[in-house]
Amino acid sequence: GDTCTITGQLIDNSDGSLVREAGDTVNFYQQGKFTYLNDGTDTTSLIPDEGMSITTDNGSLKITTSTSGEKYAHYPVQFNINDNFSFECEIGALGTTNSIALYVKNGSTATGCWVAYEDSNTKWAVGVNGTIWRSAPVSLQVGDIIKIEQNEGVLTLYQNGDIVTSKFVSFEGEYSIGHYTNNGRVQYVKNIKIKVLDGS
C-alpha cells in the first residue's frame, strides 16, 4: 500500500495512548473498501499492548510477550458493525503453546470471538462470547493458509481452503482483528491479507 509520514503524534482516541511519533513512516490504508497486506516484514503497522514484542524471524512477524497475562496487538483496520470481511495469513513457523491465536472483538470487551490452534491437543479452539468449541484432531504445518471470514454474522474458519467450523457471532459497534499472546506463546505469521468483502 501507499505510505505516509506522521507529522505530529498519532494518538488513540479511545484511551489517549501514543500510537506513533512524529517522523514515523507508516502504511496508509483506505477506510471502507480496503485491503491490508503485510508480507511478514512490516512490524510497525500492528498496534500492540505495552510489553508485547513484534519482530521479524523466519521471514514472518514474530509475536511474543515477556509479561504476565494476555496481551493484544491489533491490525490497523477498524470494522463497522455491518462490515463483512476476511482475514488470511500463512503460518511462517510453528510457535509454542498456540501456534496461532487470533481475536475479533470490540475494544477490550468480551463481545466477539477468539480462534487458536492448540498444539498440545492438535485441535482448533473457537470461543464465542464465553462458549468454546473444539475441532476434531488436525495437524498444523508451516505454510498452511489460515482464513477467517465474517459474513452476515457468521464467522467461518478455514485451513487451506477447507472449512474447520462456522459460528454465529454478534458484534457491537466498531471492532478489530489481531493476535493475543502470553509469555508462553510465540506466533509466526506472514502474507497477511485483510479486506472488506463486496456487498457489505
Protein backbone atom coordinates (compact mmCIF):
# COMPACT_ATOMS: atom_id res chain seq x y z
CA GLY A 1 0.00 0.00 0.00
CA ASP A 2 0.91 3.67 -0.03
CA THR A 3 2.88 5.18 2.83
CA CYS A 4 2.65 8.45 4.70
CA THR A 5 4.86 10.21 7.24
CA ILE A 6 3.40 11.22 10.58
CA THR A 7 3.94 14.96 11.12
CA GLY A 8 2.71 15.02 14.70
CA GLN A 9 1.97 12.50 17.40
CA LEU A 10 -0.73 9.96 16.48
CA ILE A 11 -2.98 9.33 19.46
CA ASP A 12 -5.50 6.54 20.04
CA ASN A 13 -8.79 8.36 20.69
CA SER A 14 -10.15 5.52 22.82
CA ASP A 15 -7.61 5.85 25.63
CA GLY A 16 -5.25 8.71 24.73
CA SER A 17 -2.24 6.44 24.33
CA LEU A 18 0.59 7.32 21.94
CA VAL A 19 0.48 5.17 18.80
CA ARG A 20 3.13 6.78 16.56
CA GLU A 21 5.74 9.51 16.94
CA ALA A 22 6.33 12.38 14.53
CA GLY A 23 8.58 11.29 11.66
CA ASP A 24 7.39 7.67 11.63
CA THR A 25 6.59 6.27 8.19
CA VAL A 26 3.52 4.04 8.19
CA ASN A 27 1.40 2.24 5.64
CA PHE A 28 -1.77 4.01 4.60
CA TYR A 29 -4.99 2.05 4.21
CA GLN A 30 -8.27 3.46 2.95
CA GLN A 31 -11.08 3.07 5.44
CA GLY A 32 -14.09 1.43 3.81
CA LYS A 33 -13.48 -0.95 0.91
CA PHE A 34 -9.86 -1.53 1.90
CA THR A 35 -7.22 -4.19 1.72
CA TYR A 36 -4.39 -4.59 4.22
CA LEU A 37 -1.35 -6.51 3.01
CA ASN A 38 1.70 -7.47 5.05
CA ASP A 39 4.24 -9.96 3.73
CA GLY A 40 5.64 -10.50 7.21
CA THR A 41 8.22 -7.71 7.26
CA ASP A 42 6.12 -4.72 8.39
CA THR A 43 6.35 -4.63 12.18
CA THR A 44 5.18 -1.03 12.55
CA SER A 45 1.56 -1.27 11.45
CA LEU A 46 0.31 -3.53 14.23
CA ILE A 47 -0.79 -1.70 17.38
CA PRO A 48 0.41 -3.71 20.42
CA ASP A 49 -0.30 -3.59 24.12
CA GLU A 50 2.56 -2.47 26.33
CA GLY A 51 5.01 -5.32 26.90
CA MET A 52 4.44 -7.02 23.54
CA SER A 53 7.24 -7.64 21.05
CA ILE A 54 6.63 -7.68 17.30
CA THR A 55 9.80 -8.53 15.37
CA THR A 56 10.71 -10.48 12.24
CA ASP A 57 12.05 -14.05 12.18
CA ASN A 58 11.69 -16.95 9.74
CA GLY A 59 10.52 -14.43 7.13
CA SER A 60 7.49 -13.74 9.33
CA LEU A 61 6.13 -11.49 12.01
CA LYS A 62 7.14 -12.94 15.37
CA ILE A 63 4.62 -12.04 18.07
CA THR A 64 5.60 -12.53 21.72
CA THR A 65 5.46 -11.01 25.17
CA SER A 66 7.56 -11.43 28.31
CA THR A 67 4.92 -10.09 30.69
CA SER A 68 2.19 -11.99 32.52
CA GLY A 69 -1.41 -12.12 31.39
CA GLU A 70 -2.94 -11.97 27.92
CA LYS A 71 -1.70 -9.16 25.68
CA TYR A 72 -3.22 -7.98 22.41
CA ALA A 73 -1.95 -6.50 19.15
CA HIS A 74 -4.47 -5.45 16.54
CA TYR A 75 -4.12 -4.67 12.87
CA PRO A 76 -4.77 -1.07 11.68
CA VAL A 77 -8.18 -1.90 10.23
CA GLN A 78 -11.35 -0.95 12.07
CA PHE A 79 -14.57 -2.70 11.05
CA ASN A 80 -18.08 -1.35 11.39
CA ILE A 81 -20.95 -3.48 12.66
CA ASN A 82 -22.29 -4.17 9.13
CA ASP A 83 -18.92 -4.98 7.50
CA ASN A 84 -18.34 -8.43 6.07
CA PHE A 85 -14.61 -9.18 5.99
CA SER A 86 -11.92 -11.80 5.50
CA PHE A 87 -8.59 -12.22 7.30
CA GLU A 88 -5.95 -14.55 5.88
CA CYS A 89 -2.39 -15.41 6.89
CA GLU A 90 0.27 -18.05 6.32
CA ILE A 91 1.96 -19.95 9.13
CA GLY A 92 5.63 -18.93 8.86
CA ALA A 93 6.93 -21.28 11.56
CA LEU A 94 5.43 -23.39 14.32
CA GLY A 95 5.38 -21.50 17.58
CA THR A 96 4.73 -22.64 21.12
CA THR A 97 1.58 -23.27 23.22
CA ASN A 98 -0.68 -21.91 20.47
CA SER A 99 0.93 -21.65 17.05
CA ILE A 100 -1.64 -19.01 16.16
CA ALA A 101 -4.10 -17.16 18.37
CA LEU A 102 -6.46 -14.57 16.87
CA TYR A 103 -9.26 -12.45 18.23
CA VAL A 104 -12.07 -10.44 16.65
CA LYS A 105 -13.74 -8.15 19.15
CA ASN A 106 -14.99 -4.75 20.16
CA GLY A 107 -12.22 -2.92 22.03
CA SER A 108 -11.41 -4.64 25.33
CA THR A 109 -14.88 -6.14 25.81
CA ALA A 110 -15.68 -9.83 25.59
CA THR A 111 -18.09 -9.31 22.71
CA GLY A 112 -16.77 -11.22 19.72
CA CYS A 113 -14.66 -14.32 19.42
CA TRP A 114 -11.20 -15.85 19.52
CA VAL A 115 -9.59 -18.60 17.44
CA ALA A 116 -6.50 -20.56 18.47
CA TYR A 117 -4.68 -23.71 17.43
CA GLU A 118 -3.94 -25.86 20.49
CA ASP A 119 -0.60 -27.57 19.84
CA SER A 120 -0.89 -29.91 22.81
CA ASN A 121 -4.31 -31.18 21.67
CA THR A 122 -3.75 -30.77 17.89
CA LYS A 123 -7.15 -29.08 17.68
CA TRP A 124 -8.62 -25.71 16.79
CA ALA A 125 -10.46 -23.97 19.60
CA VAL A 126 -13.04 -21.27 18.87
CA GLY A 127 -14.53 -19.18 21.66
CA VAL A 128 -17.64 -17.08 21.07
CA ASN A 129 -18.91 -14.93 23.93
CA GLY A 130 -17.70 -17.41 26.54
CA THR A 131 -18.70 -20.65 24.79
CA ILE A 132 -15.83 -22.77 23.43
CA TRP A 133 -15.88 -25.29 20.58
CA ARG A 134 -13.00 -27.61 19.62
CA SER A 135 -12.40 -29.29 16.29
CA ALA A 136 -11.51 -32.89 15.59
CA PRO A 137 -7.73 -33.52 15.70
CA VAL A 138 -5.97 -31.77 12.84
CA SER A 139 -2.33 -31.08 12.02
CA LEU A 140 -0.98 -27.56 11.58
CA GLN A 141 2.06 -27.19 9.32
CA VAL A 142 4.38 -24.44 8.17
CA GLY A 143 2.91 -22.93 5.02
CA ASP A 144 -0.71 -23.61 5.97
CA ILE A 145 -3.11 -20.82 5.00
CA ILE A 146 -5.49 -19.81 7.78
CA LYS A 147 -8.52 -17.72 6.94
CA ILE A 148 -11.33 -16.21 9.00
CA GLU A 149 -14.34 -14.87 7.12
CA GLN A 150 -17.24 -12.99 8.68
CA ASN A 151 -20.33 -12.81 6.51
CA GLU A 152 -23.68 -11.56 7.81
CA GLY A 153 -22.80 -12.51 11.39
CA VAL A 154 -21.48 -15.98 10.58
CA LEU A 155 -17.78 -16.41 11.18
CA THR A 156 -16.09 -19.29 9.31
CA LEU A 157 -12.61 -20.66 9.99
CA TYR A 158 -10.72 -22.20 7.06
CA GLN A 159 -7.46 -24.16 6.94
CA ASN A 160 -6.00 -24.48 3.44
CA GLY A 161 -9.42 -23.75 1.95
CA ASP A 162 -11.25 -26.40 4.00
CA ILE A 163 -13.90 -25.31 6.49
CA VAL A 164 -13.00 -26.14 10.09
CA THR A 165 -16.09 -24.63 11.70
CA SER A 166 -18.68 -21.85 11.35
CA LYS A 167 -20.24 -19.97 14.25
CA PHE A 168 -22.68 -17.09 14.67
CA VAL A 169 -21.05 -14.05 16.29
CA SER A 170 -22.82 -10.86 17.38
CA PHE A 171 -20.63 -7.76 17.10
CA GLU A 172 -21.33 -4.36 18.60
CA GLY A 173 -20.21 -1.05 17.09
CA GLU A 174 -16.68 -0.95 15.72
CA TYR A 175 -14.35 -3.91 16.14
CA SER A 176 -10.91 -5.09 15.10
CA ILE A 177 -8.87 -8.24 14.50
CA GLY A 178 -5.48 -9.12 15.89
CA HIS A 179 -3.34 -11.56 17.87
CA TYR A 180 -3.35 -12.30 21.58
CA THR A 181 -0.45 -13.83 23.43
CA ASN A 182 1.14 -14.52 26.80
CA ASN A 183 4.68 -15.24 27.98
CA GLY A 184 4.43 -18.91 26.94
CA ARG A 185 3.20 -18.30 23.40
CA VAL A 186 5.15 -17.50 20.21
CA GLN A 187 3.42 -16.91 16.86
CA TYR A 188 4.90 -16.60 13.36
CA VAL A 189 2.66 -15.27 10.57
CA LYS A 190 3.23 -13.82 7.12
CA ASN A 191 1.37 -12.91 3.93
CA ILE A 192 -1.42 -11.31 5.94
CA LYS A 193 -4.42 -10.07 3.97
CA ILE A 194 -7.45 -8.24 5.36
CA LYS A 195 -10.30 -6.91 3.26
CA VAL A 196 -13.93 -5.90 3.43
CA LEU A 197 -15.98 -8.20 1.22
CA ASP A 198 -18.18 -6.95 -1.59
CA GLY A 199 -21.76 -6.45 -0.64
CA SER A 200 -21.09 -5.33 2.92
